[in-house]
Amino acid sequence: MTDFFRKHTLIAGTLLLTAAGFATRLLGFFYRIFLSRTIGAEGLGLYNMVHPIYGICFGICAGSIQTAVSRFVAADVRRGRRIFFTGLVLSLSVSLGLAGLLWLFAGPIASRILLEERCAALLPFMALSVPFSAVHACINGYYYGIQRTEVPAFSQIAEQLVRMAAVFLITAILREEGRPVTVELAVAGHLIGEIASCLYTVLCFLFLQPPASRAGSVPHTAPASLLSGFRQTARPLLALALPLMGNRLILNLLSGAESVWIPSRLCAFGMSSSEAFSVYGVLTGMAMPFILFPSAITNSMAVLLLPAVAGAQSEGRADRVAGTAVTSLRCSLAMGVLCTGVFTLFGGVLGTSVFHDAFAGTFMEILAWLCPFLYLSATAGSILNGLGQTRTTFLQNAAALLVRIAFVLLGVPRFGIRACLWGMLASGVLLALLHLWSLSRVAPFRWNVWNMAVTPVLALALAIGVLYFSDGALARLIRLFRLSAFAGAAVRIAFLSLCYGAALILAHTVRRR
């Protein structure tokens, strides 16, 4: 088994990143629960309001350059450190400029762009975190290029663990001193996590040498050599990074605009500023993390799909591309149908038992119907990217975001937050259908409606029926062990999932016969 992973570094690296991503998502999920109980729904709303600004800055100075560094290093490992140095100079220069602007103009950005003056105190924390994120993004790009994915993988976990430990410690100190815990705690935790990730990757870069078998004898990186390498690599790096930067910037701007307009449109609906940010915090900080948590599985599958599909396409294996698409889409749809049943049945209990907020449960029950389309679009989008259809996925994602923004601007002032939920559902359905339509044009596959859609729905109906008739026994078991409301819901969800999985396996077995 060890020899297999040594020979198949791409598979091993992808699995490692998948495991690290899932662990980080799990840690982040419990961290969100802690924040919701510490700074409240309004604090979560303010915290989520400033994140789009950070996302825009990261997209400009780091995200696209990381991708460019990764690709160029993979193509020429011997010159990897020179390429990394060029990317780092470009990324760090831009990040320092953005950080300075964010720091100096925090007040105007908060009042005129975010439309909330209370965000002015939070933006300096985000400004300080931008250069640290630029450094560790470039180092991660370098290690992706030489296929040492353990460094980026463990940097994710280190970042989350240090952030959580710091926030827990600061909270304990503040409470012991009788001082209030405010939203500044969350943004300070974000900054501490970025610093920890940066320090970890810098230490790895300084002391963890690339494999000799791949890198050969790494050229000496003297200042003159680095300067010469900068002149040679800056232009091709920018040629690759700038289009990616433009795409990500547009998507981040659209997403940021949506985040800014939701609270302001809720105020137009008749809510006070405090009420609007509380509702926004419940949606983005409580309900959505639950809805998105199962996507850690489908996202992990998407990470595996992209190289697999790209490899099959390069080999001219159209049948393999089609087979991979059908299998992955079927799994995503099955997962989505199950999550629709789980959040429809148990959303209310989860919202009140975990976050102590009935609105969170209501939002989960409504957004439950988004799950099949959300997971389908993530999987189909990954396949399209693997087939080189990045322009298509960008345009379709932008179209879906515009639909959501239209619901926010036109619907929220009349119907409140429910219009925002309707917009999320409409855009999710649109994006899934657009991705599937595009995928059918570039990788023709046979869509068996009975196997892919009807069978999971029937399996869920059967599982719900079994749960209904078994609920009495489950209730006695829960009372016997004196389980909490959340633990009791978890037992029922696990039982429902087992019945659903058994029904799908039975249907698959019968179909094969």
Protein backbone atom coordinates (compact mmCIF):
# COMPACT_ATOMS: atom_id res chain seq x y z
CA MET A 1 0.00 0.00 0.00
CA THR A 2 2.85 2.37 0.83
CA ASP A 3 4.50 1.65 -2.53
CA PHE A 4 1.21 2.38 -4.27
CA PHE A 5 0.96 5.86 -2.75
CA ARG A 6 4.61 6.57 -3.50
CA LYS A 7 3.99 5.77 -7.16
CA HIS A 8 0.69 7.63 -7.28
CA THR A 9 1.58 10.90 -5.60
CA LEU A 10 -1.41 12.70 -7.12
CA ILE A 11 -3.86 10.25 -5.56
CA ALA A 12 -2.07 10.30 -2.22
CA GLY A 13 -1.87 14.09 -2.21
CA THR A 14 -5.52 14.50 -3.15
CA LEU A 15 -6.64 12.11 -0.43
CA LEU A 16 -4.48 13.93 2.10
CA LEU A 17 -5.95 17.30 1.11
CA THR A 18 -9.42 15.77 1.23
CA ALA A 19 -8.91 14.45 4.76
CA ALA A 20 -7.42 17.75 5.90
CA GLY A 21 -10.24 19.72 4.31
CA PHE A 22 -12.85 17.55 5.99
CA ALA A 23 -11.12 17.86 9.36
CA THR A 24 -10.88 21.63 8.94
CA ARG A 25 -14.56 21.84 7.99
CA LEU A 26 -15.50 19.80 11.06
CA LEU A 27 -13.40 21.99 13.37
CA GLY A 28 -14.79 25.12 11.75
CA PHE A 29 -18.33 23.86 12.22
CA PHE A 30 -17.91 23.53 15.99
CA TYR A 31 -16.05 26.85 16.04
CA ARG A 32 -19.09 28.50 14.46
CA ILE A 33 -21.32 26.99 17.12
CA PHE A 34 -19.04 28.43 19.81
CA LEU A 35 -19.06 31.87 18.17
CA SER A 36 -22.84 31.85 17.86
CA ARG A 37 -23.16 31.27 21.59
CA THR A 38 -20.40 33.76 22.46
CA ILE A 39 -21.00 36.83 20.28
CA GLY A 40 -24.62 36.12 19.32
CA ALA A 41 -26.46 36.32 16.01
CA GLU A 42 -25.85 40.05 15.55
CA GLY A 43 -22.12 39.60 16.15
CA LEU A 44 -22.04 36.79 13.60
CA GLY A 45 -23.76 39.06 11.11
CA LEU A 46 -21.14 41.78 11.57
CA TYR A 47 -18.33 39.22 11.36
CA ASN A 48 -19.69 37.77 8.12
CA MET A 49 -20.14 41.29 6.73
CA VAL A 50 -16.39 42.07 6.68
CA HIS A 51 -15.37 38.69 5.25
CA PRO A 52 -16.22 39.60 1.63
CA ILE A 53 -13.72 42.48 1.86
CA TYR A 54 -11.03 40.02 2.90
CA GLY A 55 -12.12 37.65 0.11
CA ILE A 56 -11.78 40.40 -2.49
CA CYS A 57 -8.30 41.32 -1.22
CA PHE A 58 -7.21 37.67 -1.20
CA GLY A 59 -8.57 37.13 -4.70
CA ILE A 60 -6.57 40.10 -5.99
CA CYS A 61 -3.23 39.49 -4.29
CA ALA A 62 -2.98 35.76 -3.57
CA GLY A 63 -5.48 33.27 -4.95
CA SER A 64 -4.67 33.56 -8.65
CA ILE A 65 -0.93 33.95 -8.06
CA GLN A 66 -0.96 30.77 -5.97
CA THR A 67 -2.49 28.89 -8.92
CA ALA A 68 0.06 30.37 -11.32
CA VAL A 69 2.99 29.49 -9.03
CA SER A 70 1.68 25.94 -8.67
CA ARG A 71 1.42 25.39 -12.42
CA PHE A 72 4.81 26.90 -13.29
CA VAL A 73 6.62 25.05 -10.49
CA ALA A 74 5.04 21.76 -11.59
CA ALA A 75 6.30 22.39 -15.12
CA ASP A 76 9.88 23.23 -13.99
CA VAL A 77 10.68 22.02 -10.48
CA ARG A 78 14.39 22.86 -10.79
CA ARG A 79 13.50 26.55 -11.05
CA GLY A 80 10.77 26.20 -8.46
CA ARG A 81 12.25 28.49 -5.82
CA ARG A 82 12.93 31.24 -8.35
CA ILE A 83 9.32 30.99 -9.54
CA PHE A 84 8.12 31.06 -5.94
CA PHE A 85 10.24 34.14 -5.21
CA THR A 86 8.69 35.96 -8.17
CA GLY A 87 5.18 35.06 -7.09
CA LEU A 88 5.91 36.05 -3.51
CA VAL A 89 7.26 39.49 -4.51
CA LEU A 90 4.22 40.15 -6.70
CA SER A 91 1.71 38.86 -4.17
CA LEU A 92 3.27 40.49 -1.12
CA SER A 93 3.66 43.85 -2.86
CA VAL A 94 0.00 43.96 -3.81
CA SER A 95 -1.12 42.63 -0.40
CA LEU A 96 0.79 45.33 1.48
CA GLY A 97 -0.82 47.99 -0.68
CA LEU A 98 -4.28 46.55 -0.13
CA ALA A 99 -3.66 46.20 3.61
CA GLY A 100 -2.60 49.85 3.79
CA LEU A 101 -5.70 51.02 1.93
CA LEU A 102 -7.95 48.86 4.10
CA TRP A 103 -6.34 50.20 7.27
CA LEU A 104 -6.37 53.88 6.24
CA PHE A 105 -9.86 53.91 4.79
CA ALA A 106 -11.60 51.55 7.22
CA GLY A 107 -14.10 54.23 8.18
CA PRO A 108 -15.23 55.19 4.67
CA ILE A 109 -15.29 51.53 3.56
CA ALA A 110 -17.48 50.63 6.52
CA SER A 111 -19.91 53.51 6.14
CA ARG A 112 -20.10 53.89 2.35
CA ILE A 113 -19.46 50.38 1.03
CA LEU A 114 -20.52 48.02 3.82
CA LEU A 115 -23.19 50.51 4.95
CA GLU A 116 -22.44 49.74 8.60
CA GLU A 117 -20.13 51.99 10.64
CA ARG A 118 -19.57 49.31 13.31
CA CYS A 119 -17.50 47.36 10.77
CA ALA A 120 -14.82 50.09 10.87
CA ALA A 121 -13.32 48.60 14.04
CA LEU A 122 -13.13 45.14 12.42
CA LEU A 123 -11.45 46.04 9.12
CA PRO A 124 -7.95 46.73 10.55
CA PHE A 125 -7.81 43.11 11.77
CA MET A 126 -8.64 41.97 8.25
CA ALA A 127 -6.07 44.37 6.80
CA LEU A 128 -3.29 42.88 8.94
CA SER A 129 -4.23 39.35 7.91
CA VAL A 130 -3.96 40.01 4.14
CA PRO A 131 -0.10 39.97 3.87
CA PHE A 132 0.13 36.82 6.02
CA SER A 133 -2.42 35.07 3.80
CA ALA A 134 -0.47 36.15 0.70
CA VAL A 135 2.76 34.59 2.02
CA HIS A 136 1.26 31.23 2.95
CA ALA A 137 -0.77 31.12 -0.28
CA CYS A 138 2.41 31.44 -2.37
CA ILE A 139 4.22 28.82 -0.27
CA ASN A 140 1.24 26.49 -0.64
CA GLY A 141 1.35 27.05 -4.40
CA TYR A 142 5.02 26.05 -4.43
CA TYR A 143 4.33 22.84 -2.51
CA TYR A 144 1.35 21.99 -4.72
CA GLY A 145 3.73 22.32 -7.66
CA ILE A 146 6.31 19.87 -6.24
CA GLN A 147 3.45 17.58 -5.04
CA ARG A 148 4.28 17.92 -1.35
CA THR A 149 0.64 18.41 -0.40
CA GLU A 150 1.20 17.56 3.26
CA VAL A 151 2.39 21.12 3.86
CA PRO A 152 -0.79 22.87 2.58
CA ALA A 153 -2.92 20.16 4.17
CA PHE A 154 -1.47 20.50 7.65
CA SER A 155 -1.36 24.30 7.37
CA GLN A 156 -5.18 24.26 7.14
CA ILE A 157 -5.47 22.22 10.31
CA ALA A 158 -2.80 24.28 12.12
CA GLU A 159 -4.61 27.49 11.20
CA GLN A 160 -7.95 26.25 12.51
CA LEU A 161 -6.56 24.72 15.70
CA VAL A 162 -4.54 27.82 16.64
CA ARG A 163 -7.49 30.09 15.86
CA MET A 164 -9.83 28.05 18.03
CA ALA A 165 -7.34 27.75 20.91
CA ALA A 166 -6.64 31.49 20.87
CA VAL A 167 -10.32 32.44 20.81
CA PHE A 168 -11.18 29.96 23.60
CA LEU A 169 -8.32 31.31 25.73
CA ILE A 170 -9.18 34.98 25.14
CA THR A 171 -12.84 34.27 25.89
CA ALA A 172 -11.94 32.57 29.17
CA ILE A 173 -9.71 35.50 30.19
CA LEU A 174 -12.34 38.12 29.33
CA ARG A 175 -15.05 36.29 31.24
CA GLU A 176 -12.81 35.80 34.24
CA GLU A 177 -12.12 39.55 34.29
CA GLY A 178 -15.81 40.30 33.85
CA ARG A 179 -15.31 42.04 30.51
CA PRO A 180 -17.77 41.67 27.59
CA VAL A 181 -16.96 39.37 24.66
CA THR A 182 -17.53 41.29 21.42
CA VAL A 183 -17.29 40.59 17.70
CA GLU A 184 -13.69 41.86 17.73
CA LEU A 185 -12.84 38.47 19.23
CA ALA A 186 -13.85 36.69 16.00
CA VAL A 187 -11.79 38.92 13.70
CA ALA A 188 -8.83 38.71 16.08
CA GLY A 189 -9.12 34.93 15.88
CA HIS A 190 -9.10 35.17 12.09
CA LEU A 191 -5.87 37.21 12.20
CA ILE A 192 -4.22 34.82 14.67
CA GLY A 193 -5.10 31.84 12.47
CA GLU A 194 -3.60 33.50 9.39
CA ILE A 195 -0.40 34.31 11.29
CA ALA A 196 -0.14 30.70 12.52
CA SER A 197 -0.62 29.29 9.02
CA CYS A 198 1.96 31.72 7.63
CA LEU A 199 4.57 30.82 10.27
CA TYR A 200 3.99 27.10 9.74
CA THR A 201 4.44 27.29 5.97
CA VAL A 202 7.48 29.58 6.27
CA LEU A 203 9.19 27.11 8.62
CA CYS A 204 8.39 24.26 6.23
CA PHE A 205 9.80 26.22 3.31
CA LEU A 206 13.00 26.99 5.20
CA PHE A 207 13.65 23.51 6.56
CA LEU A 208 11.73 21.05 4.33
CA GLN A 209 13.66 20.53 1.11
CA PRO A 210 11.95 19.29 -2.07
CA PRO A 211 12.48 15.61 -2.98
CA ALA A 212 15.81 15.11 -4.74
CA SER A 213 14.28 12.62 -7.14
CA ARG A 214 11.97 15.29 -8.52
CA ALA A 215 13.93 18.47 -8.01
CA GLY A 216 17.39 17.23 -8.89
CA SER A 217 20.06 19.61 -7.65
CA VAL A 218 18.12 22.77 -6.83
CA PRO A 219 19.90 25.83 -8.25
CA HIS A 220 21.50 28.25 -5.83
CA THR A 221 19.11 31.05 -4.92
CA ALA A 222 21.55 33.91 -4.45
CA PRO A 223 20.11 37.47 -4.65
CA ALA A 224 21.47 38.05 -8.16
CA SER A 225 20.06 34.73 -9.31
CA LEU A 226 16.67 35.52 -7.76
CA LEU A 227 16.62 38.95 -9.43
CA SER A 228 17.43 37.42 -12.80
CA GLY A 229 14.73 34.78 -12.26
CA PHE A 230 12.21 37.50 -11.37
CA ARG A 231 12.73 39.23 -14.71
CA GLN A 232 12.29 35.94 -16.57
CA THR A 233 9.22 34.65 -14.75
CA ALA A 234 7.22 37.75 -13.77
CA ARG A 235 5.61 38.27 -17.18
CA PRO A 236 4.42 34.64 -17.76
CA LEU A 237 3.22 34.42 -14.15
CA LEU A 238 1.14 37.55 -14.57
CA ALA A 239 -0.12 36.38 -17.97
CA LEU A 240 -1.61 33.33 -16.30
CA ALA A 241 -2.65 35.00 -13.03
CA LEU A 242 -4.43 38.10 -14.36
CA PRO A 243 -7.33 36.32 -16.15
CA LEU A 244 -7.88 34.11 -13.09
CA MET A 245 -7.71 37.20 -10.90
CA GLY A 246 -10.34 38.94 -13.01
CA ASN A 247 -12.74 35.99 -12.82
CA ARG A 248 -12.36 35.58 -9.07
CA LEU A 249 -12.58 39.31 -8.48
CA ILE A 250 -15.89 39.57 -10.32
CA LEU A 251 -17.37 36.62 -8.41
CA ASN A 252 -16.08 37.99 -5.09
CA LEU A 253 -17.48 41.44 -5.86
CA LEU A 254 -20.88 39.99 -6.69
CA SER A 255 -20.87 37.83 -3.56
CA GLY A 256 -19.72 40.79 -1.47
CA ALA A 257 -22.43 43.01 -2.91
CA GLU A 258 -25.04 40.42 -1.93
CA SER A 259 -23.67 40.28 1.62
CA VAL A 260 -23.76 44.08 1.94
CA TRP A 261 -27.24 44.49 0.51
CA ILE A 262 -29.02 41.82 2.59
CA PRO A 263 -28.92 43.77 5.91
CA SER A 264 -29.70 47.09 4.20
CA ARG A 265 -32.66 45.57 2.34
CA LEU A 266 -33.90 44.04 5.60
CA CYS A 267 -33.84 47.55 7.07
CA ALA A 268 -35.93 48.69 4.08
CA PHE A 269 -38.34 45.86 4.96
CA GLY A 270 -38.87 47.53 8.34
CA MET A 271 -36.29 45.93 10.63
CA SER A 272 -33.92 47.86 12.84
CA SER A 273 -30.18 47.62 12.12
CA SER A 274 -29.70 45.29 15.09
CA GLU A 275 -32.56 43.03 13.99
CA ALA A 276 -31.29 42.95 10.38
CA PHE A 277 -27.79 41.91 11.41
CA SER A 278 -29.19 39.31 13.79
CA VAL A 279 -31.25 37.72 11.02
CA TYR A 280 -28.29 37.89 8.64
CA GLY A 281 -26.07 36.29 11.28
CA VAL A 282 -28.57 33.47 11.84
CA LEU A 283 -28.67 32.79 8.09
CA THR A 284 -24.95 32.96 7.31
CA GLY A 285 -23.48 31.90 10.65
CA MET A 286 -25.95 29.26 11.83
CA ALA A 287 -28.22 27.83 9.12
CA MET A 288 -25.82 27.84 6.16
CA PRO A 289 -22.94 26.04 7.99
CA PHE A 290 -25.34 23.16 8.68
CA ILE A 291 -26.58 23.08 5.08
CA LEU A 292 -23.03 23.25 3.72
CA PHE A 293 -21.46 20.79 6.15
CA PRO A 294 -22.40 17.63 4.17
CA SER A 295 -20.86 19.28 1.11
CA ALA A 296 -17.47 18.48 2.66
CA ILE A 297 -18.04 14.99 1.27
CA THR A 298 -19.11 16.12 -2.19
CA ASN A 299 -16.33 18.73 -2.29
CA SER A 300 -13.83 16.01 -1.46
CA MET A 301 -15.20 13.98 -4.34
CA ALA A 302 -14.91 17.07 -6.54
CA VAL A 303 -11.22 17.37 -5.67
CA LEU A 304 -10.72 13.79 -6.81
CA LEU A 305 -12.83 14.27 -9.92
CA LEU A 306 -10.94 17.15 -11.51
CA PRO A 307 -7.62 15.35 -12.14
CA ALA A 308 -9.39 12.08 -12.97
CA VAL A 309 -11.56 13.71 -15.62
CA ALA A 310 -8.68 15.77 -17.01
CA GLY A 311 -6.56 12.62 -17.31
CA ALA A 312 -9.33 10.68 -19.04
CA GLN A 313 -9.87 13.54 -21.49
CA SER A 314 -6.16 13.77 -22.32
CA GLU A 315 -6.17 10.03 -23.08
CA GLY A 316 -9.20 10.41 -25.35
CA ARG A 317 -11.31 8.18 -23.08
CA ALA A 318 -14.75 9.73 -23.67
CA ASP A 319 -16.45 6.62 -22.26
CA ARG A 320 -14.49 6.95 -19.03
CA VAL A 321 -15.40 10.65 -18.73
CA ALA A 322 -19.08 9.83 -19.22
CA GLY A 323 -18.95 6.96 -16.71
CA THR A 324 -17.21 9.11 -14.12
CA ALA A 325 -19.78 11.86 -14.62
CA VAL A 326 -22.74 9.53 -14.19
CA THR A 327 -21.35 7.86 -11.08
CA SER A 328 -20.37 11.10 -9.35
CA LEU A 329 -23.63 12.87 -10.20
CA ARG A 330 -25.63 9.91 -8.93
CA CYS A 331 -23.73 9.96 -5.62
CA SER A 332 -24.16 13.72 -5.27
CA LEU A 333 -27.88 13.53 -5.95
CA ALA A 334 -28.30 10.66 -3.49
CA MET A 335 -26.49 12.71 -0.83
CA GLY A 336 -28.63 15.75 -1.63
CA VAL A 337 -31.91 13.84 -1.36
CA LEU A 338 -30.88 12.44 2.02
CA CYS A 339 -29.91 15.89 3.32
CA THR A 340 -33.23 17.31 2.13
CA GLY A 341 -35.01 14.72 4.27
CA VAL A 342 -32.73 15.28 7.27
CA PHE A 343 -33.01 19.07 7.35
CA THR A 344 -36.74 19.06 6.58
CA LEU A 345 -37.46 16.66 9.44
CA PHE A 346 -34.88 17.78 11.98
CA GLY A 347 -33.99 21.36 11.03
CA GLY A 348 -36.12 22.83 13.80
CA VAL A 349 -34.62 20.59 16.49
CA LEU A 350 -31.08 21.24 15.27
CA GLY A 351 -31.59 24.99 15.24
CA THR A 352 -32.98 25.23 18.77
CA SER A 353 -30.71 22.60 20.36
CA VAL A 354 -27.42 23.73 18.81
CA PHE A 355 -27.85 27.48 18.39
CA HIS A 356 -30.83 28.09 20.69
CA ASP A 357 -32.50 29.96 17.86
CA ALA A 358 -35.79 28.97 16.25
CA PHE A 359 -35.07 31.06 13.14
CA ALA A 360 -32.03 28.90 12.38
CA GLY A 361 -34.25 25.83 12.31
CA THR A 362 -36.79 27.54 10.05
CA PHE A 363 -34.07 28.59 7.63
CA MET A 364 -32.68 25.05 7.54
CA GLU A 365 -36.10 23.59 6.78
CA ILE A 366 -36.50 25.96 3.82
CA LEU A 367 -32.93 25.60 2.52
CA ALA A 368 -33.15 21.82 2.79
CA TRP A 369 -34.59 21.80 -0.74
CA LEU A 370 -31.40 23.45 -1.98
CA CYS A 371 -29.21 20.46 -1.07
CA PRO A 372 -29.65 18.26 -4.19
CA PHE A 373 -29.00 21.18 -6.54
CA LEU A 374 -26.13 22.52 -4.43
CA TYR A 375 -24.28 19.19 -4.44
CA LEU A 376 -25.08 18.53 -8.11
CA SER A 377 -23.71 21.90 -9.20
CA ALA A 378 -20.52 21.44 -7.17
CA THR A 379 -19.86 18.05 -8.77
CA ALA A 380 -20.82 19.07 -12.30
CA GLY A 381 -18.77 22.27 -11.99
CA SER A 382 -15.70 20.30 -10.97
CA ILE A 383 -16.10 17.96 -13.96
CA LEU A 384 -16.48 20.95 -16.29
CA ASN A 385 -13.33 22.55 -14.88
CA GLY A 386 -11.49 19.26 -15.35
CA LEU A 387 -12.58 19.30 -18.99
CA GLY A 388 -11.18 22.81 -19.41
CA GLN A 389 -14.56 24.60 -19.37
CA THR A 390 -13.49 27.20 -16.80
CA ARG A 391 -14.98 30.11 -18.74
CA THR A 392 -18.33 28.33 -18.83
CA THR A 393 -18.39 27.69 -15.09
CA PHE A 394 -17.38 31.31 -14.39
CA LEU A 395 -20.20 32.74 -16.52
CA GLN A 396 -22.76 30.39 -15.05
CA ASN A 397 -21.69 31.10 -11.48
CA ALA A 398 -21.92 34.82 -12.21
CA ALA A 399 -25.43 34.36 -13.63
CA ALA A 400 -26.54 32.46 -10.52
CA LEU A 401 -25.14 35.19 -8.26
CA LEU A 402 -26.99 37.84 -10.26
CA VAL A 403 -30.25 35.94 -9.71
CA ARG A 404 -29.62 35.92 -5.95
CA ILE A 405 -28.81 39.62 -5.96
CA ALA A 406 -32.02 40.38 -7.88
CA PHE A 407 -34.06 38.57 -5.22
CA VAL A 408 -32.23 40.52 -2.50
CA LEU A 409 -32.71 43.93 -4.10
CA LEU A 410 -36.27 43.46 -5.34
CA GLY A 411 -37.77 40.85 -3.02
CA VAL A 412 -36.34 41.42 0.46
CA PRO A 413 -37.85 44.93 0.94
CA ARG A 414 -41.30 43.42 0.26
CA PHE A 415 -41.08 39.89 1.67
CA GLY A 416 -38.20 40.03 4.15
CA ILE A 417 -35.52 37.37 4.55
CA ARG A 418 -37.72 34.72 2.91
CA ALA A 419 -37.11 36.41 -0.46
CA CYS A 420 -33.38 35.89 0.11
CA LEU A 421 -34.02 32.20 0.76
CA TRP A 422 -36.15 31.95 -2.37
CA GLY A 423 -33.33 33.58 -4.32
CA MET A 424 -30.83 31.04 -3.01
CA LEU A 425 -33.14 28.21 -4.06
CA ALA A 426 -33.78 29.71 -7.51
CA SER A 427 -30.10 30.38 -8.18
CA GLY A 428 -29.15 26.90 -6.94
CA VAL A 429 -31.61 25.25 -9.30
CA LEU A 430 -30.48 27.48 -12.19
CA LEU A 431 -26.78 26.77 -11.60
CA ALA A 432 -27.29 23.01 -11.38
CA LEU A 433 -29.35 22.94 -14.58
CA LEU A 434 -26.85 25.13 -16.45
CA HIS A 435 -23.91 22.99 -15.34
CA LEU A 436 -25.70 19.78 -16.30
CA TRP A 437 -26.69 21.20 -19.70
CA SER A 438 -23.11 22.28 -20.41
CA LEU A 439 -21.75 18.96 -19.21
CA SER A 440 -24.09 17.03 -21.50
CA ARG A 441 -22.69 19.00 -24.47
CA VAL A 442 -18.99 18.30 -23.78
CA ALA A 443 -19.26 14.82 -22.24
CA PRO A 444 -22.39 13.08 -23.53
CA PHE A 445 -23.72 10.70 -20.91
CA ARG A 446 -26.95 8.82 -20.41
CA TRP A 447 -29.15 10.40 -17.75
CA ASN A 448 -31.27 7.61 -16.27
CA VAL A 449 -34.00 9.51 -14.39
CA TRP A 450 -35.21 6.40 -12.58
CA ASN A 451 -31.82 5.40 -11.20
CA MET A 452 -30.50 8.89 -10.48
CA ALA A 453 -33.58 10.72 -9.17
CA VAL A 454 -36.61 8.49 -8.58
CA THR A 455 -34.77 5.71 -6.73
CA PRO A 456 -33.23 8.05 -4.08
CA VAL A 457 -36.61 9.71 -3.48
CA LEU A 458 -38.33 6.33 -3.04
CA ALA A 459 -35.49 5.17 -0.78
CA LEU A 460 -35.91 8.28 1.37
CA ALA A 461 -39.68 7.77 1.58
CA LEU A 462 -39.12 4.15 2.68
CA ALA A 463 -36.51 5.24 5.25
CA ILE A 464 -38.86 7.89 6.68
CA GLY A 465 -41.59 5.26 6.96
CA VAL A 466 -39.29 2.89 8.85
CA LEU A 467 -38.23 5.78 11.12
CA TYR A 468 -41.86 6.64 11.82
CA PHE A 469 -42.76 3.11 12.88
CA SER A 470 -39.54 2.74 14.90
CA ASP A 471 -39.73 6.11 16.63
CA GLY A 472 -41.30 4.69 19.76
CA ALA A 473 -38.39 2.33 20.35
CA LEU A 474 -35.89 5.09 19.56
CA ALA A 475 -37.63 7.43 22.01
CA ARG A 476 -37.38 4.84 24.80
CA LEU A 477 -33.68 4.36 24.00
CA ILE A 478 -33.10 8.12 24.14
CA ARG A 479 -34.89 8.40 27.50
CA LEU A 480 -32.98 5.39 28.85
CA PHE A 481 -29.62 7.02 28.19
CA ARG A 482 -30.93 10.52 29.06
CA LEU A 483 -29.71 11.98 25.81
CA SER A 484 -30.02 15.69 25.06
CA ALA A 485 -32.30 17.00 22.33
CA PHE A 486 -29.35 17.28 19.94
CA ALA A 487 -28.07 13.78 20.74
CA GLY A 488 -31.58 12.40 20.31
CA ALA A 489 -31.87 14.08 16.91
CA ALA A 490 -28.45 12.69 15.98
CA VAL A 491 -29.61 9.15 16.83
CA ARG A 492 -32.70 9.54 14.66
CA ILE A 493 -30.66 11.05 11.81
CA ALA A 494 -28.17 8.18 11.98
CA PHE A 495 -31.01 5.64 11.93
CA LEU A 496 -32.65 7.40 8.97
CA SER A 497 -29.33 7.46 7.10
CA LEU A 498 -28.73 3.76 7.70
CA CYS A 499 -32.21 2.88 6.43
CA TYR A 500 -31.74 5.14 3.41
CA GLY A 501 -28.36 3.59 2.58
CA ALA A 502 -29.77 0.08 2.95
CA ALA A 503 -32.67 0.93 0.64
CA LEU A 504 -30.29 2.28 -2.01
CA ILE A 505 -28.07 -0.81 -1.79
CA LEU A 506 -31.12 -3.05 -2.06
CA ALA A 507 -32.36 -1.14 -5.13
CA HIS A 508 -28.92 -1.37 -6.73
CA THR A 509 -28.74 -5.12 -6.06
CA VAL A 510 -32.19 -5.75 -7.52
CA ARG A 511 -31.40 -3.63 -10.58
CA ARG A 512 -28.18 -5.58 -11.31
CA ARG A 513 -30.10 -8.86 -11.22
